[in-house]
């Protein structure tokens, strides 16, 4: 297989898997943090994505990198359920956080009835869920869900601190949260900018 054949094979397979997954070039680009111009260039066989990008697309489509080298007459594996799993697995993990919080809350109300702030157990389940969401966002999701998960963690932790220590001065926690929010946006904007420049 010469260079041109490899380019054409990979180009055809990127287009095929993208269409099978009902994605536009722009939607695929957003999912792998690239520009739609790059996708278009690859599908016209005018360039090749690097191995890291091919790996990201393979993971997204539920195939292997080798599957992008399959010829036109070779059967292509159909996508399984990786995208569904990327929603179900985080939801199950967050569900476990809420289940544990509910059990702890129930136990506190039954065995420690004098504990008048047991409801804080439920409140603290929110930032714990955000941590779970952040982990999976970093593993599987594009930049917007990562920003949203990090932002939700910042503000939910601030609310938890404010409710746990109900002092007038604790309102300053929201100023800290605002600064952290700005830093988070700058951080992820910087990451996105670096990826675009590397293309």
C-alpha atoms as a PDB file:
ATOM      1  CA  UNK A   1       0.000   0.000   0.000  1.00  0.00           C
ATOM      2  CA  UNK A   2       1.572   3.295  -1.043  1.00  0.00           C
ATOM      3  CA  UNK A   3       1.130   6.658   0.642  1.00  0.00           C
ATOM      4  CA  UNK A   4      -1.683   7.835  -1.628  1.00  0.00           C
ATOM      5  CA  UNK A   5      -3.622   4.582  -1.182  1.00  0.00           C
ATOM      6  CA  UNK A   6      -3.321   4.866   2.591  1.00  0.00           C
ATOM      7  CA  UNK A   7      -4.542   8.476   2.483  1.00  0.00           C
ATOM      8  CA  UNK A   8      -7.546   7.533   0.319  1.00  0.00           C
ATOM      9  CA  UNK A   9      -8.408   4.513   2.474  1.00  0.00           C
ATOM     10  CA  UNK A  10      -8.253   6.526   5.694  1.00  0.00           C
ATOM     11  CA  UNK A  11     -10.187   9.385   4.040  1.00  0.00           C
ATOM     12  CA  UNK A  12     -12.981   7.036   2.918  1.00  0.00           C
ATOM     13  CA  UNK A  13     -13.156   5.368   6.314  1.00  0.00           C
ATOM     14  CA  UNK A  14     -13.301   8.634   8.271  1.00  0.00           C
ATOM     15  CA  UNK A  15     -16.195   9.762   6.056  1.00  0.00           C
ATOM     16  CA  UNK A  16     -17.895   6.347   6.331  1.00  0.00           C
ATOM     17  CA  UNK A  17     -17.698   6.141  10.126  1.00  0.00           C
ATOM     18  CA  UNK A  18     -18.743   9.779  10.481  1.00  0.00           C
ATOM     19  CA  UNK A  19     -21.854   9.206   8.346  1.00  0.00           C
ATOM     20  CA  UNK A  20     -22.661   5.940  10.133  1.00  0.00           C
ATOM     21  CA  UNK A  21     -22.646   7.898  13.380  1.00  0.00           C
ATOM     22  CA  UNK A  22     -24.842  10.600  11.805  1.00  0.00           C
ATOM     23  CA  UNK A  23     -22.306  13.341  12.437  1.00  0.00           C
ATOM     24  CA  UNK A  24     -21.561  16.360  10.298  1.00  0.00           C
ATOM     25  CA  UNK A  25     -17.946  17.354   9.751  1.00  0.00           C
ATOM     26  CA  UNK A  26     -18.459  20.224  12.207  1.00  0.00           C
ATOM     27  CA  UNK A  27     -19.941  17.898  14.855  1.00  0.00           C
ATOM     28  CA  UNK A  28     -17.063  15.426  14.508  1.00  0.00           C
ATOM     29  CA  UNK A  29     -14.576  18.308  14.683  1.00  0.00           C
ATOM     30  CA  UNK A  30     -16.164  19.559  17.924  1.00  0.00           C
ATOM     31  CA  UNK A  31     -16.003  16.100  19.490  1.00  0.00           C
ATOM     32  CA  UNK A  32     -12.266  15.719  18.842  1.00  0.00           C
ATOM     33  CA  UNK A  33     -11.451  19.423  19.371  1.00  0.00           C
ATOM     34  CA  UNK A  34     -10.355  20.067  15.807  1.00  0.00           C
ATOM     35  CA  UNK A  35     -11.635  22.370  13.082  1.00  0.00           C
ATOM     36  CA  UNK A  36     -14.134  21.186  10.460  1.00  0.00           C
ATOM     37  CA  UNK A  37     -11.591  22.306   7.828  1.00  0.00           C
ATOM     38  CA  UNK A  38      -9.225  19.615   9.124  1.00  0.00           C
ATOM     39  CA  UNK A  39     -11.954  16.959   8.843  1.00  0.00           C
ATOM     40  CA  UNK A  40     -12.752  18.108   5.314  1.00  0.00           C
ATOM     41  CA  UNK A  41      -9.061  17.986   4.373  1.00  0.00           C
ATOM     42  CA  UNK A  42      -8.699  14.446   5.753  1.00  0.00           C
ATOM     43  CA  UNK A  43     -11.841  13.238   3.965  1.00  0.00           C
ATOM     44  CA  UNK A  44     -10.517  14.645   0.665  1.00  0.00           C
ATOM     45  CA  UNK A  45      -7.251  12.728   1.263  1.00  0.00           C
ATOM     46  CA  UNK A  46      -5.305  15.987   1.255  1.00  0.00           C
ATOM     47  CA  UNK A  47      -3.736  15.196   4.607  1.00  0.00           C
ATOM     48  CA  UNK A  48      -3.587  12.590   7.340  1.00  0.00           C
ATOM     49  CA  UNK A  49      -4.604  12.953  10.998  1.00  0.00           C
ATOM     50  CA  UNK A  50      -1.849  12.023  13.421  1.00  0.00           C
ATOM     51  CA  UNK A  51      -2.042   8.780  15.400  1.00  0.00           C
ATOM     52  CA  UNK A  52      -3.459  10.514  18.500  1.00  0.00           C
ATOM     53  CA  UNK A  53      -6.345  11.944  16.478  1.00  0.00           C
ATOM     54  CA  UNK A  54      -6.990   8.589  14.793  1.00  0.00           C
ATOM     55  CA  UNK A  55      -7.027   7.003  18.243  1.00  0.00           C
ATOM     56  CA  UNK A  56      -9.560   9.594  19.480  1.00  0.00           C
ATOM     57  CA  UNK A  57     -11.792   8.977  16.442  1.00  0.00           C
ATOM     58  CA  UNK A  58     -11.487   5.212  16.851  1.00  0.00           C
ATOM     59  CA  UNK A  59     -12.580   5.524  20.481  1.00  0.00           C
ATOM     60  CA  UNK A  60     -15.442   7.822  19.488  1.00  0.00           C
ATOM     61  CA  UNK A  61     -16.668   5.426  16.774  1.00  0.00           C
ATOM     62  CA  UNK A  62     -16.129   2.287  18.867  1.00  0.00           C
ATOM     63  CA  UNK A  63     -13.532   0.801  16.488  1.00  0.00           C
ATOM     64  CA  UNK A  64      -9.758   0.310  16.445  1.00  0.00           C
ATOM     65  CA  UNK A  65      -7.142   2.409  14.662  1.00  0.00           C
ATOM     66  CA  UNK A  66      -6.555  -0.567  12.335  1.00  0.00           C
ATOM     67  CA  UNK A  67     -10.154  -0.306  11.151  1.00  0.00           C
ATOM     68  CA  UNK A  68      -9.294   3.002   9.457  1.00  0.00           C
ATOM     69  CA  UNK A  69      -6.909   1.049   7.193  1.00  0.00           C
ATOM     70  CA  UNK A  70      -9.557  -1.371   5.928  1.00  0.00           C
ATOM     71  CA  UNK A  71     -10.034  -1.339   2.174  1.00  0.00           C
ATOM     72  CA  UNK A  72     -13.346  -0.599   0.466  1.00  0.00           C
ATOM     73  CA  UNK A  73     -14.173  -4.282  -0.012  1.00  0.00           C
ATOM     74  CA  UNK A  74     -13.349  -5.289   3.550  1.00  0.00           C
ATOM     75  CA  UNK A  75     -16.308  -5.350   5.985  1.00  0.00           C
ATOM     76  CA  UNK A  76     -16.213  -2.452   8.409  1.00  0.00           C
ATOM     77  CA  UNK A  77     -17.212  -3.091  12.022  1.00  0.00           C
ATOM     78  CA  UNK A  78     -20.393  -1.350  13.035  1.00  0.00           C
ATOM     79  CA  UNK A  79     -20.286   0.940  15.999  1.00  0.00           C
ATOM     80  CA  UNK A  80     -21.251  -0.651  19.292  1.00  0.00           C
ATOM     81  CA  UNK A  81     -22.457   1.452  22.178  1.00  0.00           C
ATOM     82  CA  UNK A  82     -19.464   3.524  23.324  1.00  0.00           C
ATOM     83  CA  UNK A  83     -21.302   6.849  23.208  1.00  0.00           C
ATOM     84  CA  UNK A  84     -24.232   5.427  25.161  1.00  0.00           C
ATOM     85  CA  UNK A  85     -21.790   3.984  27.688  1.00  0.00           C
ATOM     86  CA  UNK A  86     -20.167   7.386  28.046  1.00  0.00           C
ATOM     87  CA  UNK A  87     -23.492   8.670  29.315  1.00  0.00           C
ATOM     88  CA  UNK A  88     -24.672   5.617  31.272  1.00  0.00           C
ATOM     89  CA  UNK A  89     -21.409   4.931  33.155  1.00  0.00           C
ATOM     90  CA  UNK A  90     -21.065   8.501  34.559  1.00  0.00           C
ATOM     91  CA  UNK A  91     -24.787   8.508  35.433  1.00  0.00           C
ATOM     92  CA  UNK A  92     -24.389   5.211  37.307  1.00  0.00           C
ATOM     93  CA  UNK A  93     -21.339   6.547  39.150  1.00  0.00           C
ATOM     94  CA  UNK A  94     -23.217   9.718  40.127  1.00  0.00           C
ATOM     95  CA  UNK A  95     -26.200   7.580  41.089  1.00  0.00           C
ATOM     96  CA  UNK A  96     -23.953   5.655  43.491  1.00  0.00           C
ATOM     97  CA  UNK A  97     -22.855   8.947  45.075  1.00  0.00           C
ATOM     98  CA  UNK A  98     -26.515   9.877  45.656  1.00  0.00           C
ATOM     99  CA  UNK A  99     -27.343   6.390  46.922  1.00  0.00           C
ATOM    100  CA  UNK A 100     -24.553   6.554  49.519  1.00  0.00           C
ATOM    101  CA  UNK A 101     -25.649  10.098  50.485  1.00  0.00           C
ATOM    102  CA  UNK A 102     -29.270   8.920  50.882  1.00  0.00           C
ATOM    103  CA  UNK A 103     -28.197   5.950  53.041  1.00  0.00           C
ATOM    104  CA  UNK A 104     -26.021   8.204  55.225  1.00  0.00           C
ATOM    105  CA  UNK A 105     -28.842  10.755  55.531  1.00  0.00           C
ATOM    106  CA  UNK A 106     -31.345   8.040  56.478  1.00  0.00           C
ATOM    107  CA  UNK A 107     -28.919   6.535  59.009  1.00  0.00           C
ATOM    108  CA  UNK A 108     -28.250   9.958  60.536  1.00  0.00           C
ATOM    109  CA  UNK A 109     -31.960  10.736  60.933  1.00  0.00           C
ATOM    110  CA  UNK A 110     -32.683   7.316  62.493  1.00  0.00           C
ATOM    111  CA  UNK A 111     -29.639   6.811  64.707  1.00  0.00           C
ATOM    112  CA  UNK A 112     -28.674  10.428  65.404  1.00  0.00           C
ATOM    113  CA  UNK A 113     -32.004  12.284  65.653  1.00  0.00           C
ATOM    114  CA  UNK A 114     -30.336  15.081  67.620  1.00  0.00           C
ATOM    115  CA  UNK A 115     -28.187  15.896  64.546  1.00  0.00           C
ATOM    116  CA  UNK A 116     -30.159  18.852  63.199  1.00  0.00           C
ATOM    117  CA  UNK A 117     -27.963  19.472  60.147  1.00  0.00           C
ATOM    118  CA  UNK A 118     -28.105  15.990  58.621  1.00  0.00           C
ATOM    119  CA  UNK A 119     -29.536  17.555  55.453  1.00  0.00           C
ATOM    120  CA  UNK A 120     -25.997  18.792  54.684  1.00  0.00           C
ATOM    121  CA  UNK A 121     -25.157  15.188  53.703  1.00  0.00           C
ATOM    122  CA  UNK A 122     -27.487  15.557  50.716  1.00  0.00           C
ATOM    123  CA  UNK A 123     -26.071  19.004  49.883  1.00  0.00           C
ATOM    124  CA  UNK A 124     -22.512  17.610  49.827  1.00  0.00           C
ATOM    125  CA  UNK A 125     -23.589  14.954  47.325  1.00  0.00           C
ATOM    126  CA  UNK A 126     -23.776  17.732  44.706  1.00  0.00           C
ATOM    127  CA  UNK A 127     -20.025  18.596  44.605  1.00  0.00           C
ATOM    128  CA  UNK A 128     -19.167  14.890  44.882  1.00  0.00           C
ATOM    129  CA  UNK A 129     -21.320  14.268  41.789  1.00  0.00           C
ATOM    130  CA  UNK A 130     -19.506  17.136  40.073  1.00  0.00           C
ATOM    131  CA  UNK A 131     -16.137  15.497  40.839  1.00  0.00           C
ATOM    132  CA  UNK A 132     -17.356  12.252  39.249  1.00  0.00           C
ATOM    133  CA  UNK A 133     -18.622  14.237  36.259  1.00  0.00           C
ATOM    134  CA  UNK A 134     -15.264  16.034  35.948  1.00  0.00           C
ATOM    135  CA  UNK A 135     -13.341  12.752  35.901  1.00  0.00           C
ATOM    136  CA  UNK A 136     -15.453  11.325  33.079  1.00  0.00           C
ATOM    137  CA  UNK A 137     -15.487  14.661  31.238  1.00  0.00           C
ATOM    138  CA  UNK A 138     -11.680  14.680  31.214  1.00  0.00           C
ATOM    139  CA  UNK A 139     -11.619  11.093  29.954  1.00  0.00           C
ATOM    140  CA  UNK A 140     -14.320  11.156  27.299  1.00  0.00           C
ATOM    141  CA  UNK A 141     -16.007  14.484  26.673  1.00  0.00           C
ATOM    142  CA  UNK A 142     -15.073  17.617  24.708  1.00  0.00           C
ATOM    143  CA  UNK A 143     -14.110  20.940  26.252  1.00  0.00           C
ATOM    144  CA  UNK A 144     -17.574  22.448  26.959  1.00  0.00           C
ATOM    145  CA  UNK A 145     -18.730  19.632  29.294  1.00  0.00           C
ATOM    146  CA  UNK A 146     -15.337  19.850  31.030  1.00  0.00           C
ATOM    147  CA  UNK A 147     -15.829  23.562  31.677  1.00  0.00           C
ATOM    148  CA  UNK A 148     -19.401  22.986  32.886  1.00  0.00           C
ATOM    149  CA  UNK A 149     -18.313  20.183  35.246  1.00  0.00           C
ATOM    150  CA  UNK A 150     -15.481  22.257  36.710  1.00  0.00           C
ATOM    151  CA  UNK A 151     -17.767  25.291  37.088  1.00  0.00           C
ATOM    152  CA  UNK A 152     -20.473  23.221  38.795  1.00  0.00           C
ATOM    153  CA  UNK A 153     -17.864  21.874  41.231  1.00  0.00           C
ATOM    154  CA  UNK A 154     -16.583  25.372  42.086  1.00  0.00           C
ATOM    155  CA  UNK A 155     -20.021  26.860  42.778  1.00  0.00           C
ATOM    156  CA  UNK A 156     -21.506  23.814  44.544  1.00  0.00           C
ATOM    157  CA  UNK A 157     -18.488  23.638  46.876  1.00  0.00           C
ATOM    158  CA  UNK A 158     -18.898  27.352  47.590  1.00  0.00           C
ATOM    159  CA  UNK A 159     -22.557  26.850  48.501  1.00  0.00           C
ATOM    160  CA  UNK A 160     -21.624  23.872  50.720  1.00  0.00           C
ATOM    161  CA  UNK A 161     -19.007  25.945  52.577  1.00  0.00           C
ATOM    162  CA  UNK A 162     -21.472  28.813  52.967  1.00  0.00           C
ATOM    163  CA  UNK A 163     -24.162  26.511  54.402  1.00  0.00           C
ATOM    164  CA  UNK A 164     -21.724  24.615  56.625  1.00  0.00           C
ATOM    165  CA  UNK A 165     -20.238  27.746  58.196  1.00  0.00           C
ATOM    166  CA  UNK A 166     -23.138  30.237  58.231  1.00  0.00           C
ATOM    167  CA  UNK A 167     -21.179  33.334  59.159  1.00  0.00           C
ATOM    168  CA  UNK A 168     -21.550  36.728  57.561  1.00  0.00           C
ATOM    169  CA  UNK A 169     -17.921  36.702  56.419  1.00  0.00           C
ATOM    170  CA  UNK A 170     -18.414  33.412  54.588  1.00  0.00           C
ATOM    171  CA  UNK A 171     -20.065  35.366  51.758  1.00  0.00           C
ATOM    172  CA  UNK A 172     -16.504  36.113  50.596  1.00  0.00           C
ATOM    173  CA  UNK A 173     -16.323  32.466  49.523  1.00  0.00           C
ATOM    174  CA  UNK A 174     -18.311  33.502  46.454  1.00  0.00           C
ATOM    175  CA  UNK A 175     -15.619  36.042  45.532  1.00  0.00           C
ATOM    176  CA  UNK A 176     -13.080  33.202  45.648  1.00  0.00           C
ATOM    177  CA  UNK A 177     -15.436  31.070  43.553  1.00  0.00           C
ATOM    178  CA  UNK A 178     -15.712  33.876  40.988  1.00  0.00           C
ATOM    179  CA  UNK A 179     -11.914  34.099  40.717  1.00  0.00           C
ATOM    180  CA  UNK A 180     -11.646  30.313  40.372  1.00  0.00           C
ATOM    181  CA  UNK A 181     -14.325  30.435  37.667  1.00  0.00           C
ATOM    182  CA  UNK A 182     -12.306  32.978  35.666  1.00  0.00           C
ATOM    183  CA  UNK A 183      -9.134  30.894  36.093  1.00  0.00           C
ATOM    184  CA  UNK A 184     -11.003  27.774  34.953  1.00  0.00           C
ATOM    185  CA  UNK A 185     -12.241  29.522  31.809  1.00  0.00           C
ATOM    186  CA  UNK A 186      -8.739  30.819  31.069  1.00  0.00           C
ATOM    187  CA  UNK A 187      -7.259  27.354  31.614  1.00  0.00           C
ATOM    188  CA  UNK A 188      -9.636  25.578  29.235  1.00  0.00           C
ATOM    189  CA  UNK A 189      -9.473  28.396  26.677  1.00  0.00           C
ATOM    190  CA  UNK A 190      -5.682  28.045  26.729  1.00  0.00           C
ATOM    191  CA  UNK A 191      -5.952  24.264  26.187  1.00  0.00           C
ATOM    192  CA  UNK A 192      -8.372  24.733  23.275  1.00  0.00           C
ATOM    193  CA  UNK A 193      -6.106  27.411  21.776  1.00  0.00           C
ATOM    194  CA  UNK A 194      -3.061  25.152  21.970  1.00  0.00           C
ATOM    195  CA  UNK A 195      -4.910  22.341  20.218  1.00  0.00           C
ATOM    196  CA  UNK A 196      -6.035  24.610  17.395  1.00  0.00           C
ATOM    197  CA  UNK A 197      -2.528  26.018  16.957  1.00  0.00           C
ATOM    198  CA  UNK A 198      -1.089  22.506  16.814  1.00  0.00           C
ATOM    199  CA  UNK A 199      -3.232  21.762  13.783  1.00  0.00           C
END
